[in-house]
Amino acid sequence: MPLFSSFFLGGFESSTQRRRDGVRLDLIASTEHDVRAAEDYALMERHGIRTVRDAARWHLIEALEGHYNFTSLLPQIRAAREAGTQVIWDLFHYGMPNGVDLFAPNFIARFAAYAGAVAHVIAQETDTIPFFTPVNEISFFAWGAGDVAYLNPFQRGRGGEVKAILVRACIAAIEAIRDVTPNARFAVAEPLINILPQSGSAEHMRVASDYMDAQFEAVDFLAGKRAPELGGGPQYLDLVGINYYYNNQWIDHGRTVYMGDPIYRPPRELLKLVHDRVGRPTFIAETGTEGVGRAPWLHHVADEVAAAMAYGVPIEGICLYPVLSHIGWDDTRHCPNGLFEGFGDGKPRRPWPALADELARQQARFAGISKN
């Protein structure tokens, strides 16, 4: 029985972090998905997408500690319900309410209480099994917020500490949600990377191998395979979402390794590596690129997923991410990376023809694969 209502999913860019200059991003609002959710879900259904990644926005729901206002979330929940769209709800997509201190003693309890409150509203409004990603990209957020001072709270040298906090927060959120809906399902969404050594020396190969291994820390922590003091266990690792982009392979301290490079490792091998390592249902939680490369990139990823499935790797789906183009994180440039274009001043949503055509071809292809 498939986990998802459609093999191809669509993800709405949901980042809500505050930049260093104090500007709060809210890409759900800037793309108007918050007020056009019904239109968006209907449009995706017409293109064969019946499962989406969407988000609750913590900074709007809990602007005042312990007081929850769901007016920003209810239109999305109700639009999905009316459309029959299955949603995987992100609860923490980089953005915290103003004044929240990630390192404060009450952070984990506050996040868990918020997660339980969201689960309660979803349970009141729907009667289907809910899916959640409590913390989006634990590894990336820990690096961006704790190592390179790119994401709020803009720290350096604290990436390991941030990762541990986020894992504990994720576990607490899962427990809070299960108290409301014991049958809820949970997906992590973690980058899949391939790091090549600087040279063939034993030391460079060891460093690259350690770097590769580090990408599994978050899932290992959740599953209780490492750092048991964080409280992990097998019950906290359910579905493993894999985020894979054109620049996810590189030489350690060197250049990016792009598709077509002789040393580019076929993603089918990386997908098998993940399955062999985690032993959980997996899906491509994010993949896509900008401009005219959108359709060829989907073709490449679909080829690799099909090959991995032929190896015996069970993959539950591929999520086009983002499904709707948006503005950039660091500026207001238009990022042409979605299946659909059109936002701002009520501009009509329009499919990108080449990607829409490629998606239709791949949907037909994977419908055949699933029958075999």
Protein backbone atom coordinates (compact mmCIF):
# COMPACT_ATOMS: atom_id res chain seq x y z
CA MET A 1 0.00 0.00 0.00
CA PRO A 2 1.60 3.32 -1.03
CA LEU A 3 2.27 5.82 1.74
CA PHE A 4 1.37 8.80 -0.39
CA SER A 5 -1.66 9.66 -2.48
CA SER A 6 0.55 10.29 -5.51
CA PHE A 7 4.09 9.18 -6.33
CA PHE A 8 5.01 12.71 -7.36
CA LEU A 9 4.61 15.28 -4.59
CA GLY A 10 4.84 19.06 -4.61
CA GLY A 11 6.51 21.13 -1.91
CA PHE A 12 5.80 24.77 -1.13
CA GLU A 13 8.87 26.78 -0.13
CA SER A 14 8.05 27.56 3.48
CA SER A 15 11.08 29.33 4.93
CA THR A 16 10.25 31.82 7.67
CA GLN A 17 13.63 32.72 9.17
CA ARG A 18 14.75 36.19 10.18
CA ARG A 19 17.74 37.38 8.22
CA ARG A 20 20.70 39.06 9.86
CA ASP A 21 19.32 42.45 8.79
CA GLY A 22 16.16 41.71 10.79
CA VAL A 23 13.91 41.10 7.80
CA ARG A 24 11.50 38.23 8.40
CA LEU A 25 11.06 35.93 5.43
CA ASP A 26 7.69 34.32 4.89
CA LEU A 27 7.68 32.64 1.52
CA ILE A 28 4.21 31.19 1.96
CA ALA A 29 2.95 34.77 2.22
CA SER A 30 5.18 36.28 -0.47
CA THR A 31 4.02 33.66 -2.99
CA GLU A 32 0.42 34.19 -1.83
CA HIS A 33 0.00 30.50 -1.09
CA ASP A 34 -1.59 31.45 2.22
CA VAL A 35 -4.51 33.11 0.44
CA ARG A 36 -4.48 30.96 -2.69
CA ALA A 37 -4.12 27.51 -1.12
CA ALA A 38 -7.40 26.21 -2.57
CA GLU A 39 -6.36 27.37 -6.04
CA ASP A 40 -2.90 25.85 -5.60
CA TYR A 41 -4.13 22.44 -4.45
CA ALA A 42 -6.66 22.31 -7.29
CA LEU A 43 -3.98 23.23 -9.81
CA MET A 44 -1.66 20.54 -8.51
CA GLU A 45 -4.43 17.95 -8.62
CA ARG A 46 -4.92 18.78 -12.31
CA HIS A 47 -1.27 17.90 -12.78
CA GLY A 48 -1.56 14.62 -10.91
CA ILE A 49 -0.07 15.79 -7.60
CA ARG A 50 -2.23 14.84 -4.63
CA THR A 51 0.39 14.92 -1.85
CA VAL A 52 2.22 18.08 -0.81
CA ARG A 53 4.75 19.39 1.66
CA ASP A 54 3.33 22.50 3.30
CA ALA A 55 3.95 24.29 6.58
CA ALA A 56 2.56 25.74 9.75
CA ARG A 57 4.25 29.06 10.50
CA TRP A 58 5.33 29.10 14.13
CA HIS A 59 6.05 32.83 14.21
CA LEU A 60 2.42 33.59 13.31
CA ILE A 61 0.78 30.88 15.36
CA GLU A 62 2.61 31.65 18.63
CA ALA A 63 3.63 35.29 18.50
CA LEU A 64 2.99 35.42 22.25
CA GLU A 65 4.29 32.50 24.30
CA GLY A 66 1.58 29.97 25.11
CA HIS A 67 -1.10 31.78 23.07
CA TYR A 68 -1.97 30.13 19.77
CA ASN A 69 -3.68 31.82 16.85
CA PHE A 70 -4.44 29.48 13.96
CA THR A 71 -5.94 31.98 11.53
CA SER A 72 -2.83 31.67 9.34
CA LEU A 73 -3.04 27.86 9.20
CA LEU A 74 -6.75 27.06 9.01
CA PRO A 75 -7.20 28.18 5.38
CA GLN A 76 -4.44 25.77 4.32
CA ILE A 77 -5.86 22.89 6.37
CA ARG A 78 -9.38 23.45 5.06
CA ALA A 79 -8.29 23.93 1.46
CA ALA A 80 -6.35 20.65 1.59
CA ARG A 81 -9.30 18.88 3.16
CA GLU A 82 -11.72 20.14 0.52
CA ALA A 83 -9.35 19.21 -2.30
CA GLY A 84 -8.59 15.78 -0.86
CA THR A 85 -4.90 16.70 -0.80
CA GLN A 86 -2.61 14.81 1.55
CA VAL A 87 -0.22 17.12 3.43
CA ILE A 88 3.11 16.57 5.17
CA TRP A 89 3.17 19.52 7.59
CA ASP A 90 6.49 21.19 8.39
CA LEU A 91 6.37 22.67 11.89
CA PHE A 92 9.76 24.41 12.05
CA HIS A 93 11.08 25.55 8.67
CA TYR A 94 14.03 27.61 9.97
CA GLY A 95 11.83 30.30 11.54
CA MET A 96 11.10 30.88 15.23
CA PRO A 97 8.85 33.51 16.81
CA ASN A 98 10.52 36.78 17.71
CA GLY A 99 12.24 36.57 21.07
CA VAL A 100 12.65 32.78 21.08
CA ASP A 101 16.14 31.70 22.13
CA LEU A 102 17.16 28.37 20.63
CA PHE A 103 19.60 27.85 23.51
CA ALA A 104 17.13 28.73 26.29
CA PRO A 105 16.18 25.99 28.77
CA ASN A 106 12.50 26.25 27.81
CA PHE A 107 12.98 26.05 24.03
CA ILE A 108 12.27 22.33 23.70
CA ALA A 109 9.19 22.39 25.93
CA ARG A 110 7.81 25.45 24.11
CA PHE A 111 8.32 23.86 20.70
CA ALA A 112 6.71 20.60 21.81
CA ALA A 113 3.68 22.46 23.20
CA TYR A 114 3.29 24.32 19.90
CA ALA A 115 3.59 21.03 17.95
CA GLY A 116 0.89 19.45 20.08
CA ALA A 117 -1.38 22.45 19.59
CA VAL A 118 -0.98 22.25 15.80
CA ALA A 119 -1.69 18.52 15.87
CA HIS A 120 -4.85 19.16 17.88
CA VAL A 121 -6.19 21.64 15.32
CA ILE A 122 -5.39 19.33 12.41
CA ALA A 123 -7.11 16.45 14.21
CA GLN A 124 -10.20 18.63 14.76
CA GLU A 125 -10.35 19.68 11.11
CA THR A 126 -9.49 16.39 9.37
CA ASP A 127 -10.08 12.66 9.75
CA THR A 128 -7.08 11.31 7.83
CA ILE A 129 -3.75 10.08 9.17
CA PRO A 130 -1.62 13.22 9.64
CA PHE A 131 1.98 13.49 8.45
CA PHE A 132 4.51 15.86 10.01
CA THR A 133 8.10 16.97 9.61
CA PRO A 134 8.72 18.46 13.05
CA VAL A 135 12.08 20.07 12.19
CA ASN A 136 13.03 20.64 8.57
CA GLU A 137 16.66 19.79 7.67
CA ILE A 138 18.19 19.38 11.10
CA SER A 139 21.66 18.98 9.59
CA PHE A 140 21.47 22.02 7.32
CA PHE A 141 19.96 24.21 10.01
CA ALA A 142 22.65 23.15 12.50
CA TRP A 143 25.34 24.04 9.95
CA GLY A 144 23.73 27.30 8.85
CA ALA A 145 22.76 28.52 12.33
CA GLY A 146 25.55 27.00 14.39
CA ASP A 147 28.65 26.78 12.20
CA VAL A 148 28.66 29.49 9.54
CA ALA A 149 26.34 32.17 11.04
CA TYR A 150 24.05 32.16 7.99
CA LEU A 151 20.76 31.38 9.73
CA ASN A 152 19.33 32.78 12.95
CA PRO A 153 20.76 32.66 15.68
CA PHE A 154 23.93 33.27 13.59
CA GLN A 155 26.44 31.27 15.65
CA ARG A 156 29.84 29.77 14.86
CA GLY A 157 31.43 26.74 16.43
CA ARG A 158 28.13 25.53 17.91
CA GLY A 159 26.79 23.33 15.11
CA GLY A 160 26.95 20.16 17.18
CA GLU A 161 25.13 21.85 20.04
CA VAL A 162 22.40 23.13 17.71
CA LYS A 163 21.97 19.68 16.15
CA ALA A 164 21.56 18.09 19.57
CA ILE A 165 18.95 20.67 20.59
CA LEU A 166 17.00 20.16 17.38
CA VAL A 167 17.03 16.38 17.75
CA ARG A 168 15.72 16.66 21.29
CA ALA A 169 13.10 19.16 20.13
CA CYS A 170 12.03 16.82 17.33
CA ILE A 171 11.65 13.92 19.77
CA ALA A 172 9.63 16.06 22.19
CA ALA A 173 7.40 17.23 19.33
CA ILE A 174 6.79 13.64 18.18
CA GLU A 175 5.72 12.69 21.69
CA ALA A 176 3.42 15.71 21.95
CA ILE A 177 1.81 14.93 18.59
CA ARG A 178 1.37 11.25 19.41
CA ASP A 179 -0.44 12.26 22.59
CA VAL A 180 -3.02 13.89 20.29
CA THR A 181 -2.96 11.52 17.29
CA PRO A 182 -1.22 8.22 18.06
CA ASN A 183 -1.37 7.15 14.41
CA ALA A 184 0.53 10.20 13.09
CA ARG A 185 3.43 9.60 10.72
CA PHE A 186 6.71 11.51 10.79
CA ALA A 187 9.23 12.34 8.09
CA VAL A 188 12.68 13.78 8.42
CA ALA A 189 13.99 15.81 5.49
CA GLU A 190 17.78 15.69 5.31
CA PRO A 191 20.28 16.60 2.58
CA LEU A 192 21.90 13.71 0.72
CA ILE A 193 25.50 14.64 -0.09
CA ASN A 194 28.58 13.04 -1.57
CA ILE A 195 31.99 14.34 -0.47
CA LEU A 196 35.08 13.34 -2.41
CA PRO A 197 38.59 13.51 -0.90
CA GLN A 198 41.05 16.22 -1.88
CA SER A 199 43.54 13.54 -2.90
CA GLY A 200 44.18 9.85 -2.57
CA SER A 201 46.13 10.26 0.64
CA ALA A 202 44.95 8.22 3.62
CA GLU A 203 44.29 11.37 5.65
CA HIS A 204 42.25 13.10 2.95
CA MET A 205 40.23 9.95 2.37
CA ARG A 206 39.56 9.60 6.10
CA VAL A 207 38.41 13.22 6.40
CA ALA A 208 36.05 12.87 3.43
CA SER A 209 34.69 9.62 4.83
CA ASP A 210 34.03 11.23 8.21
CA TYR A 211 32.31 14.14 6.48
CA MET A 212 30.10 11.74 4.56
CA ASP A 213 29.24 9.88 7.75
CA ALA A 214 28.24 13.12 9.47
CA GLN A 215 25.24 13.49 7.16
CA PHE A 216 23.66 10.55 8.97
CA GLU A 217 24.11 11.98 12.47
CA ALA A 218 20.62 13.46 12.76
CA VAL A 219 18.84 10.26 11.73
CA ASP A 220 21.17 8.16 13.87
CA PHE A 221 20.49 10.43 16.86
CA LEU A 222 16.74 10.16 16.34
CA ALA A 223 16.95 6.39 16.01
CA GLY A 224 19.10 6.11 19.14
CA LYS A 225 22.05 4.61 17.27
CA ARG A 226 24.35 7.37 18.49
CA ALA A 227 24.31 9.78 21.43
CA PRO A 228 21.69 7.87 23.44
CA GLU A 229 21.71 10.67 26.00
CA LEU A 230 19.59 12.68 23.52
CA GLY A 231 16.72 10.27 24.11
CA GLY A 232 16.45 8.76 20.63
CA GLY A 233 15.03 5.37 19.80
CA PRO A 234 13.68 3.40 16.81
CA GLN A 235 10.20 4.81 17.44
CA TYR A 236 11.37 8.31 16.49
CA LEU A 237 12.64 7.49 13.00
CA ASP A 238 9.72 6.78 10.70
CA LEU A 239 10.05 8.08 7.11
CA VAL A 240 13.34 9.34 5.72
CA GLY A 241 13.07 12.22 3.27
CA ILE A 242 16.09 12.88 1.08
CA ASN A 243 16.87 16.34 -0.30
CA TYR A 244 19.00 16.18 -3.42
CA TYR A 245 20.05 19.08 -5.66
CA TYR A 246 22.50 19.71 -8.50
CA ASN A 247 25.22 20.92 -6.08
CA ASN A 248 25.04 18.14 -3.47
CA GLN A 249 28.35 16.60 -4.50
CA TRP A 250 31.73 18.29 -4.07
CA ILE A 251 35.41 17.78 -3.38
CA ASP A 252 36.27 18.46 0.25
CA HIS A 253 37.46 22.08 0.45
CA GLY A 254 37.18 22.21 -3.33
CA ARG A 255 34.89 22.52 -6.30
CA THR A 256 31.35 21.33 -6.84
CA VAL A 257 31.04 18.10 -8.80
CA TYR A 258 28.21 18.41 -11.29
CA MET A 259 26.22 15.85 -13.22
CA GLY A 260 28.29 14.73 -16.22
CA ASP A 261 31.62 15.00 -14.41
CA PRO A 262 33.52 11.68 -14.54
CA ILE A 263 33.74 11.67 -10.74
CA TYR A 264 30.04 12.42 -10.22
CA ARG A 265 28.56 9.53 -8.26
CA PRO A 266 25.24 8.26 -9.61
CA PRO A 267 22.50 9.16 -7.12
CA ARG A 268 21.12 5.62 -7.42
CA GLU A 269 24.19 4.49 -5.46
CA LEU A 270 23.64 7.16 -2.82
CA LEU A 271 19.98 6.17 -2.49
CA LYS A 272 20.99 2.56 -1.93
CA LEU A 273 23.52 3.74 0.64
CA VAL A 274 20.78 5.55 2.54
CA HIS A 275 18.42 2.58 2.45
CA ASP A 276 21.12 0.16 3.58
CA ARG A 277 22.08 2.56 6.36
CA VAL A 278 18.68 3.57 7.80
CA GLY A 279 16.35 0.73 6.80
CA ARG A 280 13.28 2.96 6.71
CA PRO A 281 10.85 3.94 3.96
CA THR A 282 12.46 6.72 1.94
CA PHE A 283 11.34 9.36 -0.52
CA ILE A 284 12.89 12.29 -2.33
CA ALA A 285 11.68 15.14 -0.12
CA GLU A 286 13.21 17.93 -2.20
CA THR A 287 14.67 18.17 -5.67
CA GLY A 288 14.67 20.77 -8.42
CA THR A 289 16.68 23.48 -10.12
CA GLU A 290 16.19 26.83 -11.83
CA GLY A 291 15.39 27.98 -15.33
CA VAL A 292 15.61 25.80 -18.42
CA GLY A 293 17.29 23.03 -16.42
CA ARG A 294 14.08 22.18 -14.58
CA ALA A 295 12.83 19.47 -16.95
CA PRO A 296 16.24 17.83 -17.62
CA TRP A 297 16.91 17.74 -13.88
CA LEU A 298 13.64 15.96 -13.15
CA HIS A 299 14.43 13.51 -15.95
CA HIS A 300 17.84 12.80 -14.36
CA VAL A 301 16.46 12.33 -10.84
CA ALA A 302 13.63 10.12 -12.09
CA ASP A 303 16.12 7.94 -14.00
CA GLU A 304 18.20 7.53 -10.85
CA VAL A 305 15.18 6.74 -8.68
CA ALA A 306 13.96 4.16 -11.19
CA ALA A 307 17.43 2.58 -11.23
CA ALA A 308 17.55 2.53 -7.43
CA MET A 309 14.15 0.87 -7.32
CA ALA A 310 15.44 -1.73 -9.78
CA TYR A 311 18.24 -2.38 -7.26
CA GLY A 312 15.51 -3.18 -4.72
CA VAL A 313 15.51 0.18 -2.94
CA PRO A 314 11.90 0.97 -1.96
CA ILE A 315 11.29 4.65 -2.71
CA GLU A 316 7.88 6.06 -1.93
CA GLY A 317 7.88 9.21 -4.05
CA ILE A 318 9.61 12.23 -5.57
CA CYS A 319 8.77 15.74 -4.35
CA LEU A 320 9.22 18.66 -6.75
CA TYR A 321 10.63 21.36 -4.53
CA PRO A 322 9.59 24.00 -4.74
CA VAL A 323 6.47 23.40 -6.75
CA LEU A 324 5.89 27.15 -6.98
CA SER A 325 8.62 29.64 -7.88
CA HIS A 326 9.38 32.26 -5.24
CA ILE A 327 11.62 35.16 -4.23
CA GLY A 328 15.17 34.62 -3.01
CA TRP A 329 16.21 34.32 0.61
CA ASP A 330 18.88 37.00 0.49
CA ASP A 331 17.26 39.41 -1.95
CA THR A 332 14.01 39.85 -3.82
CA ARG A 333 15.10 38.19 -7.05
CA HIS A 334 12.68 35.85 -8.77
CA CYS A 335 13.81 32.22 -8.43
CA PRO A 336 12.35 30.42 -11.47
CA ASN A 337 12.45 26.91 -10.04
CA GLY A 338 8.85 25.74 -9.76
CA LEU A 339 6.40 23.69 -11.73
CA PHE A 340 4.23 26.80 -11.53
CA GLU A 341 5.04 30.48 -12.03
CA GLY A 342 2.99 33.49 -11.01
CA PHE A 343 2.83 35.37 -7.75
CA GLY A 344 2.57 38.97 -6.63
CA ASP A 345 -0.38 41.25 -7.34
CA GLY A 346 -2.58 38.26 -7.98
CA LYS A 347 -0.71 37.14 -11.10
CA PRO A 348 -2.18 33.96 -12.55
CA ARG A 349 -0.46 30.68 -11.76
CA ARG A 350 0.91 29.16 -14.95
CA PRO A 351 2.70 25.83 -15.39
CA TRP A 352 6.22 25.86 -16.81
CA PRO A 353 5.46 23.91 -20.01
CA ALA A 354 8.67 21.88 -20.31
CA LEU A 355 8.56 20.75 -16.68
CA ALA A 356 4.83 20.01 -16.84
CA ASP A 357 5.40 17.84 -19.90
CA GLU A 358 8.31 16.01 -18.28
CA LEU A 359 6.29 15.45 -15.13
CA ALA A 360 3.46 13.90 -17.15
CA ARG A 361 5.93 11.55 -18.87
CA GLN A 362 7.45 10.50 -15.57
CA GLN A 363 4.06 9.99 -13.94
CA ALA A 364 3.12 7.59 -16.72
CA ARG A 365 6.48 5.87 -16.38
CA PHE A 366 6.25 5.34 -12.64
CA ALA A 367 2.63 4.24 -12.86
CA GLY A 368 3.98 1.39 -14.98
CA ILE A 369 6.82 0.68 -12.57
CA SER A 370 4.46 0.48 -9.60
CA LYS A 371 2.39 -2.17 -11.37
CA ASN A 372 5.38 -4.45 -11.88
